[in-house]
C-alpha cells in the first residue's frame, strides 16, 4: 500500500496469513487473559452496578454452563467459538460476552433498545 500500512503490518506479525489483498494480517489482540473476572467485577466502584454485573455473570454462567473468563482487559466471556472468514483468517472469541461498558457506564432500556449511559 502506498500509505505504508501494509509495511507496518508486516513488521507487527511475521507469520500471519495473507489478507484479501496479499498483506499480512495481525494476530487478534483480544484473547483470554489470566485476570480474574471476579476481581474485575469487584473493582466496579458503584455498588449497584457491581451487584447488577455479578447477577448478570451468575445468569450467564447458569445459561451457558461456562465459567467467566476475561478476554483482554474489558470483556467477561463465557465459552469459546471458533470463527473463520472466507479469506482463511480464523480465531477464537467468547460465545457470550459481558462488556465493561455495560458494567461501568451502566445501561438501561429505552423503548425496547439498550442504551449505554454515563449517569445511570
PDB file of N, CA and C in Angstrom:
ATOM      1  N   UNK A   1       0.840  -1.181   0.000  1.00  0.00           N
ATOM      2  CA  UNK A   1       0.000   0.000   0.000  1.00  0.00           C
ATOM      3  C   UNK A   1       0.879   1.237   0.000  1.00  0.00           C
ATOM      4  N   UNK A   2       0.402   2.239  -0.653  1.00  0.00           N
ATOM      5  CA  UNK A   2       1.194   3.454  -0.783  1.00  0.00           C
ATOM      6  C   UNK A   2       1.339   4.203   0.528  1.00  0.00           C
ATOM      7  N   UNK A   3       0.383   4.054   1.435  1.00  0.00           N
ATOM      8  CA  UNK A   3       0.439   4.826   2.680  1.00  0.00           C
ATOM      9  C   UNK A   3       1.267   4.155   3.771  1.00  0.00           C
ATOM     10  N   UNK A   4       1.831   3.006   3.530  1.00  0.00           N
ATOM     11  CA  UNK A   4       2.712   2.355   4.489  1.00  0.00           C
ATOM     12  C   UNK A   4       2.024   1.413   5.453  1.00  0.00           C
ATOM     13  N   UNK A   5       0.702   1.287   5.378  1.00  0.00           N
ATOM     14  CA  UNK A   5       0.010   0.400   6.316  1.00  0.00           C
ATOM     15  C   UNK A   5       0.421  -1.049   6.150  1.00  0.00           C
ATOM     16  N   UNK A   6       0.572  -1.521   4.933  1.00  0.00           N
ATOM     17  CA  UNK A   6       0.963  -2.913   4.709  1.00  0.00           C
ATOM     18  C   UNK A   6       2.356  -3.166   5.252  1.00  0.00           C
ATOM     19  N   UNK A   7       3.242  -2.204   5.094  1.00  0.00           N
ATOM     20  CA  UNK A   7       4.607  -2.361   5.601  1.00  0.00           C
ATOM     21  C   UNK A   7       4.609  -2.472   7.118  1.00  0.00           C
ATOM     22  N   UNK A   8       3.810  -1.634   7.800  1.00  0.00           N
ATOM     23  CA  UNK A   8       3.782  -1.711   9.256  1.00  0.00           C
ATOM     24  C   UNK A   8       3.134  -3.001   9.724  1.00  0.00           C
ATOM     25  N   UNK A   9       2.156  -3.504   8.984  1.00  0.00           N
ATOM     26  CA  UNK A   9       1.525  -4.771   9.353  1.00  0.00           C
ATOM     27  C   UNK A   9       2.536  -5.902   9.271  1.00  0.00           C
ATOM     28  N   UNK A  10       3.412  -5.873   8.244  1.00  0.00           N
ATOM     29  CA  UNK A  10       4.414  -6.918   8.110  1.00  0.00           C
ATOM     30  C   UNK A  10       5.362  -6.931   9.297  1.00  0.00           C
ATOM     31  N   UNK A  11       5.714  -5.772   9.796  1.00  0.00           N
ATOM     32  CA  UNK A  11       6.648  -5.726  10.918  1.00  0.00           C
ATOM     33  C   UNK A  11       5.988  -6.173  12.218  1.00  0.00           C
ATOM     34  N   UNK A  12       4.640  -6.091  12.294  1.00  0.00           N
ATOM     35  CA  UNK A  12       3.931  -6.462  13.516  1.00  0.00           C
ATOM     36  C   UNK A  12       3.751  -7.961  13.668  1.00  0.00           C
ATOM     37  N   UNK A  13       3.669  -8.681  12.572  1.00  0.00           N
ATOM     38  CA  UNK A  13       3.405 -10.117  12.675  1.00  0.00           C
ATOM     39  C   UNK A  13       4.098 -10.849  11.532  1.00  0.00           C
ATOM     40  N   UNK A  14       5.054 -11.645  11.853  1.00  0.00           N
ATOM     41  CA  UNK A  14       5.855 -12.314  10.836  1.00  0.00           C
ATOM     42  C   UNK A  14       5.163 -13.513  10.186  1.00  0.00           C
ATOM     43  N   UNK A  15       4.350 -14.254  10.952  1.00  0.00           N
ATOM     44  CA  UNK A  15       3.785 -15.490  10.444  1.00  0.00           C
ATOM     45  C   UNK A  15       2.287 -15.435  10.225  1.00  0.00           C
ATOM     46  N   UNK A  16       1.705 -14.246  10.128  1.00  0.00           N
ATOM     47  CA  UNK A  16       0.265 -14.133   9.958  1.00  0.00           C
ATOM     48  C   UNK A  16      -0.125 -14.496   8.532  1.00  0.00           C
ATOM     49  N   UNK A  17      -1.352 -15.017   8.344  1.00  0.00           N
ATOM     50  CA  UNK A  17      -1.799 -15.352   6.995  1.00  0.00           C
ATOM     51  C   UNK A  17      -1.996 -14.089   6.172  1.00  0.00           C
ATOM     52  N   UNK A  18      -1.985 -14.237   4.869  1.00  0.00           N
ATOM     53  CA  UNK A  18      -2.177 -13.095   3.983  1.00  0.00           C
ATOM     54  C   UNK A  18      -3.634 -12.671   3.986  1.00  0.00           C
ATOM     55  N   UNK A  19      -3.859 -11.375   3.903  1.00  0.00           N
ATOM     56  CA  UNK A  19      -5.203 -10.823   3.823  1.00  0.00           C
ATOM     57  C   UNK A  19      -5.718 -10.900   2.396  1.00  0.00           C
ATOM     58  N   UNK A  20      -6.896 -10.343   2.144  1.00  0.00           N
ATOM     59  CA  UNK A  20      -7.507 -10.448   0.822  1.00  0.00           C
ATOM     60  C   UNK A  20      -6.706  -9.739  -0.265  1.00  0.00           C
ATOM     61  N   UNK A  21      -5.836  -8.805   0.091  1.00  0.00           N
ATOM     62  CA  UNK A  21      -5.034  -8.084  -0.891  1.00  0.00           C
ATOM     63  C   UNK A  21      -3.559  -8.464  -0.801  1.00  0.00           C
ATOM     64  N   UNK A  22      -3.269  -9.575  -0.155  1.00  0.00           N
ATOM     65  CA  UNK A  22      -1.909 -10.064  -0.064  1.00  0.00           C
ATOM     66  C   UNK A  22      -1.136  -9.555   1.132  1.00  0.00           C
ATOM     67  N   UNK A  23      -1.690  -8.593   1.864  1.00  0.00           N
ATOM     68  CA  UNK A  23      -0.978  -8.083   3.036  1.00  0.00           C
ATOM     69  C   UNK A  23      -1.091  -9.073   4.190  1.00  0.00           C
ATOM     70  N   UNK A  24      -0.137  -9.028   5.090  1.00  0.00           N
ATOM     71  CA  UNK A  24      -0.181  -9.898   6.255  1.00  0.00           C
ATOM     72  C   UNK A  24      -1.168  -9.336   7.257  1.00  0.00           C
ATOM     73  N   UNK A  25      -1.868 -10.239   7.948  1.00  0.00           N
ATOM     74  CA  UNK A  25      -2.865  -9.809   8.925  1.00  0.00           C
ATOM     75  C   UNK A  25      -2.319 -10.002  10.329  1.00  0.00           C
ATOM     76  N   UNK A  26      -2.608  -9.052  11.210  1.00  0.00           N
ATOM     77  CA  UNK A  26      -2.155  -9.113  12.593  1.00  0.00           C
ATOM     78  C   UNK A  26      -2.933 -10.176  13.353  1.00  0.00           C
ATOM     79  N   UNK A  27      -2.316 -10.693  14.388  1.00  0.00           N
ATOM     80  CA  UNK A  27      -2.998 -11.633  15.271  1.00  0.00           C
ATOM     81  C   UNK A  27      -4.049 -10.883  16.074  1.00  0.00           C
ATOM     82  N   UNK A  28      -5.115 -11.565  16.504  1.00  0.00           N
ATOM     83  CA  UNK A  28      -6.137 -10.902  17.317  1.00  0.00           C
ATOM     84  C   UNK A  28      -5.528 -10.330  18.598  1.00  0.00           C
ATOM     85  N   UNK A  29      -5.955  -9.142  18.967  1.00  0.00           N
ATOM     86  CA  UNK A  29      -5.454  -8.515  20.188  1.00  0.00           C
ATOM     87  C   UNK A  29      -6.252  -8.929  21.412  1.00  0.00           C
ATOM     88  N   UNK A  30      -7.515  -9.263  21.219  1.00  0.00           N
ATOM     89  CA  UNK A  30      -8.367  -9.639  22.341  1.00  0.00           C
ATOM     90  C   UNK A  30      -8.342 -11.147  22.493  1.00  0.00           C
ATOM     91  N   UNK A  31      -7.672 -11.604  23.539  1.00  0.00           N
ATOM     92  CA  UNK A  31      -7.529 -13.030  23.812  1.00  0.00           C
ATOM     93  C   UNK A  31      -7.776 -13.275  25.298  1.00  0.00           C
ATOM     94  N   UNK A  32      -8.024 -14.519  25.685  1.00  0.00           N
ATOM     95  CA  UNK A  32      -8.212 -14.801  27.112  1.00  0.00           C
ATOM     96  C   UNK A  32      -6.970 -14.406  27.907  1.00  0.00           C
ATOM     97  N   UNK A  33      -7.195 -13.910  29.110  1.00  0.00           N
ATOM     98  CA  UNK A  33      -6.101 -13.498  29.981  1.00  0.00           C
ATOM     99  C   UNK A  33      -6.179 -14.242  31.302  1.00  0.00           C
ATOM    100  N   UNK A  34      -5.186 -14.017  32.138  1.00  0.00           N
ATOM    101  CA  UNK A  34      -5.165 -14.616  33.472  1.00  0.00           C
ATOM    102  C   UNK A  34      -5.908 -13.768  34.499  1.00  0.00           C
ATOM    103  N   UNK A  35      -6.332 -12.560  34.092  1.00  0.00           N
ATOM    104  CA  UNK A  35      -7.052 -11.682  35.005  1.00  0.00           C
ATOM    105  C   UNK A  35      -8.326 -12.367  35.484  1.00  0.00           C
ATOM    106  N   UNK A  36      -8.654 -12.200  36.740  1.00  0.00           N
ATOM    107  CA  UNK A  36      -9.846 -12.798  37.322  1.00  0.00           C
ATOM    108  C   UNK A  36     -11.076 -11.950  36.999  1.00  0.00           C
ATOM    109  N   UNK A  37     -12.123 -12.603  36.505  1.00  0.00           N
ATOM    110  CA  UNK A  37     -13.382 -11.899  36.257  1.00  0.00           C
ATOM    111  C   UNK A  37     -13.964 -11.386  37.568  1.00  0.00           C
ATOM    112  N   UNK A  38     -13.815 -12.145  38.642  1.00  0.00           N
ATOM    113  CA  UNK A  38     -14.329 -11.713  39.957  1.00  0.00           C
ATOM    114  C   UNK A  38     -13.617 -10.448  40.427  1.00  0.00           C
ATOM    115  N   UNK A  39     -12.306 -10.373  40.213  1.00  0.00           N
ATOM    116  CA  UNK A  39     -11.555  -9.172  40.594  1.00  0.00           C
ATOM    117  C   UNK A  39     -11.965  -7.984  39.729  1.00  0.00           C
ATOM    118  N   UNK A  40     -12.196  -8.220  38.445  1.00  0.00           N
ATOM    119  CA  UNK A  40     -12.651  -7.164  37.545  1.00  0.00           C
ATOM    120  C   UNK A  40     -13.971  -6.588  38.050  1.00  0.00           C
ATOM    121  N   UNK A  41     -14.910  -7.465  38.404  1.00  0.00           N
ATOM    122  CA  UNK A  41     -16.210  -7.004  38.881  1.00  0.00           C
ATOM    123  C   UNK A  41     -16.105  -6.339  40.252  1.00  0.00           C
ATOM    124  N   UNK A  42     -15.232  -6.856  41.114  1.00  0.00           N
ATOM    125  CA  UNK A  42     -15.059  -6.270  42.448  1.00  0.00           C
ATOM    126  C   UNK A  42     -14.519  -4.850  42.368  1.00  0.00           C
ATOM    127  N   UNK A  43     -13.858  -4.508  41.266  1.00  0.00           N
ATOM    128  CA  UNK A  43     -13.276  -3.173  41.112  1.00  0.00           C
ATOM    129  C   UNK A  43     -14.298  -2.137  40.635  1.00  0.00           C
ATOM    130  N   UNK A  44     -15.516  -2.565  40.312  1.00  0.00           N
ATOM    131  CA  UNK A  44     -16.552  -1.609  39.898  1.00  0.00           C
ATOM    132  C   UNK A  44     -16.943  -0.784  41.121  1.00  0.00           C
ATOM    133  N   UNK A  45     -16.757   0.528  41.020  1.00  0.00           N
ATOM    134  CA  UNK A  45     -16.943   1.413  42.174  1.00  0.00           C
ATOM    135  C   UNK A  45     -18.398   1.513  42.632  1.00  0.00           C
ATOM    136  N   UNK A  46     -19.318   1.605  41.706  1.00  0.00           N
ATOM    137  CA  UNK A  46     -20.731   1.766  42.059  1.00  0.00           C
ATOM    138  C   UNK A  46     -21.291   0.434  42.556  1.00  0.00           C
ATOM    139  N   UNK A  47     -21.760   0.383  43.810  1.00  0.00           N
ATOM    140  CA  UNK A  47     -22.230  -0.895  44.363  1.00  0.00           C
ATOM    141  C   UNK A  47     -23.454  -1.462  43.638  1.00  0.00           C
ATOM    142  N   UNK A  48     -24.309  -0.615  43.110  1.00  0.00           N
ATOM    143  CA  UNK A  48     -25.487  -1.101  42.379  1.00  0.00           C
ATOM    144  C   UNK A  48     -25.054  -1.724  41.056  1.00  0.00           C
ATOM    145  N   UNK A  49     -24.178  -1.048  40.345  1.00  0.00           N
ATOM    146  CA  UNK A  49     -23.676  -1.599  39.077  1.00  0.00           C
ATOM    147  C   UNK A  49     -22.904  -2.887  39.317  1.00  0.00           C
ATOM    148  N   UNK A  50     -22.104  -2.918  40.387  1.00  0.00           N
ATOM    149  CA  UNK A  50     -21.338  -4.126  40.704  1.00  0.00           C
ATOM    150  C   UNK A  50     -22.290  -5.288  40.974  1.00  0.00           C
ATOM    151  N   UNK A  51     -23.322  -5.050  41.775  1.00  0.00           N
ATOM    152  CA  UNK A  51     -24.291  -6.110  42.084  1.00  0.00           C
ATOM    153  C   UNK A  51     -25.021  -6.567  40.819  1.00  0.00           C
ATOM    154  N   UNK A  52     -25.391  -5.614  39.960  1.00  0.00           N
ATOM    155  CA  UNK A  52     -26.048  -5.970  38.696  1.00  0.00           C
ATOM    156  C   UNK A  52     -25.134  -6.820  37.821  1.00  0.00           C
ATOM    157  N   UNK A  53     -23.863  -6.420  37.737  1.00  0.00           N
ATOM    158  CA  UNK A  53     -22.905  -7.165  36.918  1.00  0.00           C
ATOM    159  C   UNK A  53     -22.689  -8.567  37.479  1.00  0.00           C
ATOM    160  N   UNK A  54     -22.579  -8.679  38.801  1.00  0.00           N
ATOM    161  CA  UNK A  54     -22.409 -10.000  39.411  1.00  0.00           C
ATOM    162  C   UNK A  54     -23.631 -10.873  39.162  1.00  0.00           C
ATOM    163  N   UNK A  55     -24.826 -10.285  39.201  1.00  0.00           N
ATOM    164  CA  UNK A  55     -26.052 -11.039  38.907  1.00  0.00           C
ATOM    165  C   UNK A  55     -26.068 -11.479  37.445  1.00  0.00           C
ATOM    166  N   UNK A  56     -25.634 -10.584  36.536  1.00  0.00           N
ATOM    167  CA  UNK A  56     -25.577 -10.936  35.112  1.00  0.00           C
ATOM    168  C   UNK A  56     -24.591 -12.074  34.878  1.00  0.00           C
ATOM    169  N   UNK A  57     -23.448 -12.037  35.552  1.00  0.00           N
ATOM    170  CA  UNK A  57     -22.457 -13.108  35.420  1.00  0.00           C
ATOM    171  C   UNK A  57     -23.034 -14.428  35.917  1.00  0.00           C
ATOM    172  N   UNK A  58     -23.744 -14.388  37.040  1.00  0.00           N
ATOM    173  CA  UNK A  58     -24.356 -15.618  37.565  1.00  0.00           C
ATOM    174  C   UNK A  58     -25.362 -16.193  36.572  1.00  0.00           C
ATOM    175  N   UNK A  59     -26.173 -15.317  35.955  1.00  0.00           N
ATOM    176  CA  UNK A  59     -27.149 -15.780  34.963  1.00  0.00           C
ATOM    177  C   UNK A  59     -26.454 -16.371  33.736  1.00  0.00           C
ATOM    178  N   UNK A  60     -25.406 -15.697  33.272  1.00  0.00           N
ATOM    179  CA  UNK A  60     -24.688 -16.189  32.096  1.00  0.00           C
ATOM    180  C   UNK A  60     -23.979 -17.504  32.381  1.00  0.00           C
ATOM    181  N   UNK A  61     -23.430 -17.624  33.588  1.00  0.00           N
ATOM    182  CA  UNK A  61     -22.771 -18.871  33.974  1.00  0.00           C
ATOM    183  C   UNK A  61     -23.791 -20.012  33.946  1.00  0.00           C
ATOM    184  N   UNK A  62     -24.974 -19.759  34.511  1.00  0.00           N
ATOM    185  CA  UNK A  62     -26.008 -20.791  34.548  1.00  0.00           C
ATOM    186  C   UNK A  62     -26.508 -21.119  33.136  1.00  0.00           C
ATOM    187  N   UNK A  63     -26.723 -20.100  32.315  1.00  0.00           N
ATOM    188  CA  UNK A  63     -27.269 -20.302  30.978  1.00  0.00           C
ATOM    189  C   UNK A  63     -26.287 -21.010  30.047  1.00  0.00           C
ATOM    190  N   UNK A  64     -24.993 -20.687  30.169  1.00  0.00           N
ATOM    191  CA  UNK A  64     -24.006 -21.253  29.250  1.00  0.00           C
ATOM    192  C   UNK A  64     -23.330 -22.506  29.784  1.00  0.00           C
ATOM    193  N   UNK A  65     -23.328 -22.665  31.114  1.00  0.00           N
ATOM    194  CA  UNK A  65     -22.595 -23.769  31.720  1.00  0.00           C
ATOM    195  C   UNK A  65     -21.091 -23.542  31.719  1.00  0.00           C
ATOM    196  N   UNK A  66     -20.672 -22.313  31.393  1.00  0.00           N
ATOM    197  CA  UNK A  66     -19.243 -21.986  31.313  1.00  0.00           C
ATOM    198  C   UNK A  66     -18.864 -20.996  32.412  1.00  0.00           C
ATOM    199  N   UNK A  67     -17.630 -21.088  32.844  1.00  0.00           N
ATOM    200  CA  UNK A  67     -17.105 -20.153  33.835  1.00  0.00           C
ATOM    201  C   UNK A  67     -16.686 -18.855  33.143  1.00  0.00           C
ATOM    202  N   UNK A  68     -16.785 -17.722  33.835  1.00  0.00           N
ATOM    203  CA  UNK A  68     -16.373 -16.455  33.232  1.00  0.00           C
ATOM    204  C   UNK A  68     -14.861 -16.381  33.069  1.00  0.00           C
ATOM    205  N   UNK A  69     -14.428 -15.859  31.926  1.00  0.00           N
ATOM    206  CA  UNK A  69     -13.012 -15.689  31.617  1.00  0.00           C
ATOM    207  C   UNK A  69     -12.836 -14.279  31.062  1.00  0.00           C
ATOM    208  N   UNK A  70     -11.804 -13.591  31.521  1.00  0.00           N
ATOM    209  CA  UNK A  70     -11.520 -12.260  30.985  1.00  0.00           C
ATOM    210  C   UNK A  70     -10.866 -12.408  29.613  1.00  0.00           C
ATOM    211  N   UNK A  71     -11.352 -11.636  28.670  1.00  0.00           N
ATOM    212  CA  UNK A  71     -10.783 -11.526  27.324  1.00  0.00           C
ATOM    213  C   UNK A  71     -10.284 -10.100  27.212  1.00  0.00           C
ATOM    214  N   UNK A  72      -8.983  -9.934  27.119  1.00  0.00           N
ATOM    215  CA  UNK A  72      -8.428  -8.591  27.157  1.00  0.00           C
ATOM    216  C   UNK A  72      -8.683  -7.994  28.526  1.00  0.00           C
ATOM    217  N   UNK A  73      -8.804  -6.690  28.588  1.00  0.00           N
ATOM    218  CA  UNK A  73      -8.990  -6.036  29.884  1.00  0.00           C
ATOM    219  C   UNK A  73     -10.430  -5.641  30.146  1.00  0.00           C
ATOM    220  N   UNK A  74     -11.351  -5.916  29.192  1.00  0.00           N
ATOM    221  CA  UNK A  74     -12.684  -5.363  29.378  1.00  0.00           C
ATOM    222  C   UNK A  74     -13.848  -6.258  28.992  1.00  0.00           C
ATOM    223  N   UNK A  75     -13.605  -7.500  28.644  1.00  0.00           N
ATOM    224  CA  UNK A  75     -14.693  -8.392  28.257  1.00  0.00           C
ATOM    225  C   UNK A  75     -14.689  -9.611  29.167  1.00  0.00           C
ATOM    226  N   UNK A  76     -15.837  -9.884  29.786  1.00  0.00           N
ATOM    227  CA  UNK A  76     -16.027 -11.118  30.540  1.00  0.00           C
ATOM    228  C   UNK A  76     -16.724 -12.082  29.583  1.00  0.00           C
ATOM    229  N   UNK A  77     -16.043 -13.158  29.225  1.00  0.00           N
ATOM    230  CA  UNK A  77     -16.571 -14.095  28.250  1.00  0.00           C
ATOM    231  C   UNK A  77     -16.973 -15.420  28.865  1.00  0.00           C
ATOM    232  N   UNK A  78     -17.897 -16.093  28.187  1.00  0.00           N
ATOM    233  CA  UNK A  78     -18.391 -17.405  28.618  1.00  0.00           C
ATOM    234  C   UNK A  78     -18.363 -18.326  27.418  1.00  0.00           C
ATOM    235  N   UNK A  79     -17.553 -19.374  27.497  1.00  0.00           N
ATOM    236  CA  UNK A  79     -17.420 -20.294  26.374  1.00  0.00           C
ATOM    237  C   UNK A  79     -16.595 -19.670  25.263  1.00  0.00           C
ATOM    238  N   UNK A  80     -16.322 -20.466  24.231  1.00  0.00           N
ATOM    239  CA  UNK A  80     -15.495 -20.021  23.105  1.00  0.00           C
ATOM    240  C   UNK A  80     -16.091 -20.570  21.820  1.00  0.00           C
ATOM    241  N   UNK A  81     -16.091 -19.746  20.791  1.00  0.00           N
ATOM    242  CA  UNK A  81     -16.400 -20.288  19.471  1.00  0.00           C
ATOM    243  C   UNK A  81     -15.268 -19.930  18.523  1.00  0.00           C
ATOM    244  N   UNK A  82     -15.071 -20.777  17.542  1.00  0.00           N
ATOM    245  CA  UNK A  82     -14.013 -20.590  16.552  1.00  0.00           C
ATOM    246  C   UNK A  82     -14.645 -19.991  15.303  1.00  0.00           C
ATOM    247  N   UNK A  83     -14.102 -18.892  14.820  1.00  0.00           N
ATOM    248  CA  UNK A  83     -14.612 -18.297  13.588  1.00  0.00           C
ATOM    249  C   UNK A  83     -13.578 -18.452  12.483  1.00  0.00           C
ATOM    250  N   UNK A  84     -14.070 -18.427  11.255  1.00  0.00           N
ATOM    251  CA  UNK A  84     -13.183 -18.496  10.096  1.00  0.00           C
ATOM    252  C   UNK A  84     -13.822 -17.695   8.970  1.00  0.00           C
ATOM    253  N   UNK A  85     -13.071 -16.738   8.445  1.00  0.00           N
ATOM    254  CA  UNK A  85     -13.537 -15.922   7.332  1.00  0.00           C
ATOM    255  C   UNK A  85     -13.227 -16.612   6.012  1.00  0.00           C
ATOM    256  N   UNK A  86     -13.867 -16.176   4.959  1.00  0.00           N
ATOM    257  CA  UNK A  86     -13.618 -16.719   3.624  1.00  0.00           C
ATOM    258  C   UNK A  86     -12.167 -16.512   3.208  1.00  0.00           C
ATOM    259  N   UNK A  87     -11.514 -15.513   3.789  1.00  0.00           N
ATOM    260  CA  UNK A  87     -10.112 -15.226   3.468  1.00  0.00           C
ATOM    261  C   UNK A  87      -9.162 -16.246   4.084  1.00  0.00           C
ATOM    262  N   UNK A  88      -9.675 -17.076   4.997  1.00  0.00           N
ATOM    263  CA  UNK A  88      -8.833 -18.042   5.681  1.00  0.00           C
ATOM    264  C   UNK A  88      -8.447 -17.616   7.087  1.00  0.00           C
ATOM    265  N   UNK A  89      -8.659 -16.354   7.406  1.00  0.00           N
ATOM    266  CA  UNK A  89      -8.352 -15.878   8.760  1.00  0.00           C
ATOM    267  C   UNK A  89      -9.303 -16.545   9.736  1.00  0.00           C
ATOM    268  N   UNK A  90      -8.773 -16.997  10.860  1.00  0.00           N
ATOM    269  CA  UNK A  90      -9.606 -17.627  11.878  1.00  0.00           C
ATOM    270  C   UNK A  90      -9.101 -17.263  13.254  1.00  0.00           C
ATOM    271  N   UNK A  91      -9.943 -17.471  14.229  1.00  0.00           N
ATOM    272  CA  UNK A  91      -9.573 -17.154  15.598  1.00  0.00           C
ATOM    273  C   UNK A  91     -10.654 -17.591  16.562  1.00  0.00           C
ATOM    274  N   UNK A  92     -10.452 -17.264  17.820  1.00  0.00           N
ATOM    275  CA  UNK A  92     -11.404 -17.599  18.869  1.00  0.00           C
ATOM    276  C   UNK A  92     -12.029 -16.327  19.414  1.00  0.00           C
ATOM    277  N   UNK A  93     -13.264 -16.449  19.896  1.00  0.00           N
ATOM    278  CA  UNK A  93     -13.972 -15.330  20.504  1.00  0.00           C
ATOM    279  C   UNK A  93     -14.933 -15.908  21.540  1.00  0.00           C
ATOM    280  N   UNK A  94     -15.256 -15.143  22.590  1.00  0.00           N
ATOM    281  CA  UNK A  94     -16.205 -15.668  23.566  1.00  0.00           C
ATOM    282  C   UNK A  94     -17.568 -15.929  22.914  1.00  0.00           C
ATOM    283  N   UNK A  95     -18.189 -17.032  23.270  1.00  0.00           N
ATOM    284  CA  UNK A  95     -19.507 -17.351  22.729  1.00  0.00           C
ATOM    285  C   UNK A  95     -20.541 -16.350  23.243  1.00  0.00           C
ATOM    286  N   UNK A  96     -20.396 -15.928  24.490  1.00  0.00           N
ATOM    287  CA  UNK A  96     -21.260 -14.918  25.112  1.00  0.00           C
ATOM    288  C   UNK A  96     -20.342 -13.978  25.862  1.00  0.00           C
ATOM    289  N   UNK A  97     -20.643 -12.671  25.830  1.00  0.00           N
ATOM    290  CA  UNK A  97     -19.758 -11.725  26.496  1.00  0.00           C
ATOM    291  C   UNK A  97     -20.524 -10.646  27.240  1.00  0.00           C
ATOM    292  N   UNK A  98     -19.889 -10.133  28.276  1.00  0.00           N
ATOM    293  CA  UNK A  98     -20.393  -9.006  29.051  1.00  0.00           C
ATOM    294  C   UNK A  98     -19.333  -7.918  28.926  1.00  0.00           C
ATOM    295  N   UNK A  99     -19.681  -6.809  28.292  1.00  0.00           N
ATOM    296  CA  UNK A  99     -18.724  -5.736  28.049  1.00  0.00           C
ATOM    297  C   UNK A  99     -18.568  -4.814  29.249  1.00  0.00           C
ATOM    298  N   UNK A 100     -17.385  -4.285  29.410  1.00  0.00           N
ATOM    299  CA  UNK A 100     -17.098  -3.367  30.501  1.00  0.00           C
ATOM    300  C   UNK A 100     -18.035  -2.165  30.481  1.00  0.00           C
ATOM    301  N   UNK A 101     -18.379  -1.669  29.291  1.00  0.00           N
ATOM    302  CA  UNK A 101     -19.241  -0.500  29.201  1.00  0.00           C
ATOM    303  C   UNK A 101     -20.587  -0.739  29.876  1.00  0.00           C
ATOM    304  N   UNK A 102     -21.078  -1.965  29.808  1.00  0.00           N
ATOM    305  CA  UNK A 102     -22.351  -2.269  30.450  1.00  0.00           C
ATOM    306  C   UNK A 102     -22.215  -2.368  31.965  1.00  0.00           C
ATOM    307  N   UNK A 103     -21.002  -2.583  32.435  1.00  0.00           N
ATOM    308  CA  UNK A 103     -20.762  -2.701  33.873  1.00  0.00           C
ATOM    309  C   UNK A 103     -20.428  -1.342  34.478  1.00  0.00           C
ATOM    310  N   UNK A 104     -19.535  -0.603  33.844  1.00  0.00           N
ATOM    311  CA  UNK A 104     -19.048   0.635  34.447  1.00  0.00           C
ATOM    312  C   UNK A 104     -19.864   1.853  34.056  1.00  0.00           C
ATOM    313  N   UNK A 105     -20.307   1.953  32.802  1.00  0.00           N
ATOM    314  CA  UNK A 105     -21.085   3.115  32.381  1.00  0.00           C
ATOM    315  C   UNK A 105     -22.552   2.934  32.731  1.00  0.00           C
ATOM    316  N   UNK A 106     -22.986   1.713  32.784  1.00  0.00           N
ATOM    317  CA  UNK A 106     -24.385   1.421  33.063  1.00  0.00           C
ATOM    318  C   UNK A 106     -25.176   1.313  31.777  1.00  0.00           C
ATOM    319  N   UNK A 107     -26.338   0.743  31.877  1.00  0.00           N
ATOM    320  CA  UNK A 107     -27.205   0.661  30.718  1.00  0.00           C
ATOM    321  C   UNK A 107     -28.639   0.640  31.193  1.00  0.00           C
ATOM    322  N   UNK A 108     -29.522   1.023  30.298  1.00  0.00           N
ATOM    323  CA  UNK A 108     -30.943   0.992  30.596  1.00  0.00           C
ATOM    324  C   UNK A 108     -31.682   0.700  29.303  1.00  0.00           C
ATOM    325  N   UNK A 109     -32.905   0.271  29.437  1.00  0.00           N
ATOM    326  CA  UNK A 109     -33.724   0.004  28.260  1.00  0.00           C
ATOM    327  C   UNK A 109     -34.592   1.214  27.986  1.00  0.00           C
ATOM    328  N   UNK A 110     -34.623   1.641  26.733  1.00  0.00           N
ATOM    329  CA  UNK A 110     -35.405   2.787  26.320  1.00  0.00           C
ATOM    330  C   UNK A 110     -36.176   2.401  25.065  1.00  0.00           C
ATOM    331  N   UNK A 111     -37.485   2.279  25.201  1.00  0.00           N
ATOM    332  CA  UNK A 111     -38.330   1.903  24.066  1.00  0.00           C
ATOM    333  C   UNK A 111     -37.846   0.620  23.390  1.00  0.00           C
ATOM    334  N   UNK A 112     -37.470  -0.354  24.197  1.00  0.00           N
ATOM    335  CA  UNK A 112     -37.051  -1.644  23.665  1.00  0.00           C
ATOM    336  C   UNK A 112     -35.613  -1.703  23.190  1.00  0.00           C
ATOM    337  N   UNK A 113     -34.854  -0.611  23.323  1.00  0.00           N
ATOM    338  CA  UNK A 113     -33.466  -0.599  22.888  1.00  0.00           C
ATOM    339  C   UNK A 113     -32.559  -0.447  24.100  1.00  0.00           C
ATOM    340  N   UNK A 114     -31.429  -1.124  24.089  1.00  0.00           N
ATOM    341  CA  UNK A 114     -30.455  -0.980  25.151  1.00  0.00           C
ATOM    342  C   UNK A 114     -29.614   0.260  24.862  1.00  0.00           C
ATOM    343  N   UNK A 115     -29.524   1.128  25.848  1.00  0.00           N
ATOM    344  CA  UNK A 115     -28.794   2.380  25.693  1.00  0.00           C
ATOM    345  C   UNK A 115     -27.707   2.429  26.742  1.00  0.00           C
ATOM    346  N   UNK A 116     -26.458   2.663  26.325  1.00  0.00           N
ATOM    347  CA  UNK A 116     -25.357   2.824  27.272  1.00  0.00           C
ATOM    348  C   UNK A 116     -25.382   4.270  27.743  1.00  0.00           C
ATOM    349  N   UNK A 117     -25.334   4.449  29.045  1.00  0.00           N
ATOM    350  CA  UNK A 117     -25.422   5.789  29.628  1.00  0.00           C
ATOM    351  C   UNK A 117     -24.258   6.063  30.539  1.00  0.00           C
ATOM    352  N   UNK A 118     -24.033   7.324  30.823  1.00  0.00           N
ATOM    353  CA  UNK A 118     -22.963   7.705  31.741  1.00  0.00           C
ATOM    354  C   UNK A 118     -23.452   7.879  33.168  1.00  0.00           C
ATOM    355  N   UNK A 119     -24.700   8.173  33.358  1.00  0.00           N
ATOM    356  CA  UNK A 119     -25.142   8.525  34.704  1.00  0.00           C
ATOM    357  C   UNK A 119     -26.330   7.766  35.211  1.00  0.00           C
ATOM    358  N   UNK A 120     -26.373   6.479  34.989  1.00  0.00           N
ATOM    359  CA  UNK A 120     -27.491   5.679  35.480  1.00  0.00           C
ATOM    360  C   UNK A 120     -27.376   5.524  36.965  1.00  0.00           C
TER     361      UNK A 120
END
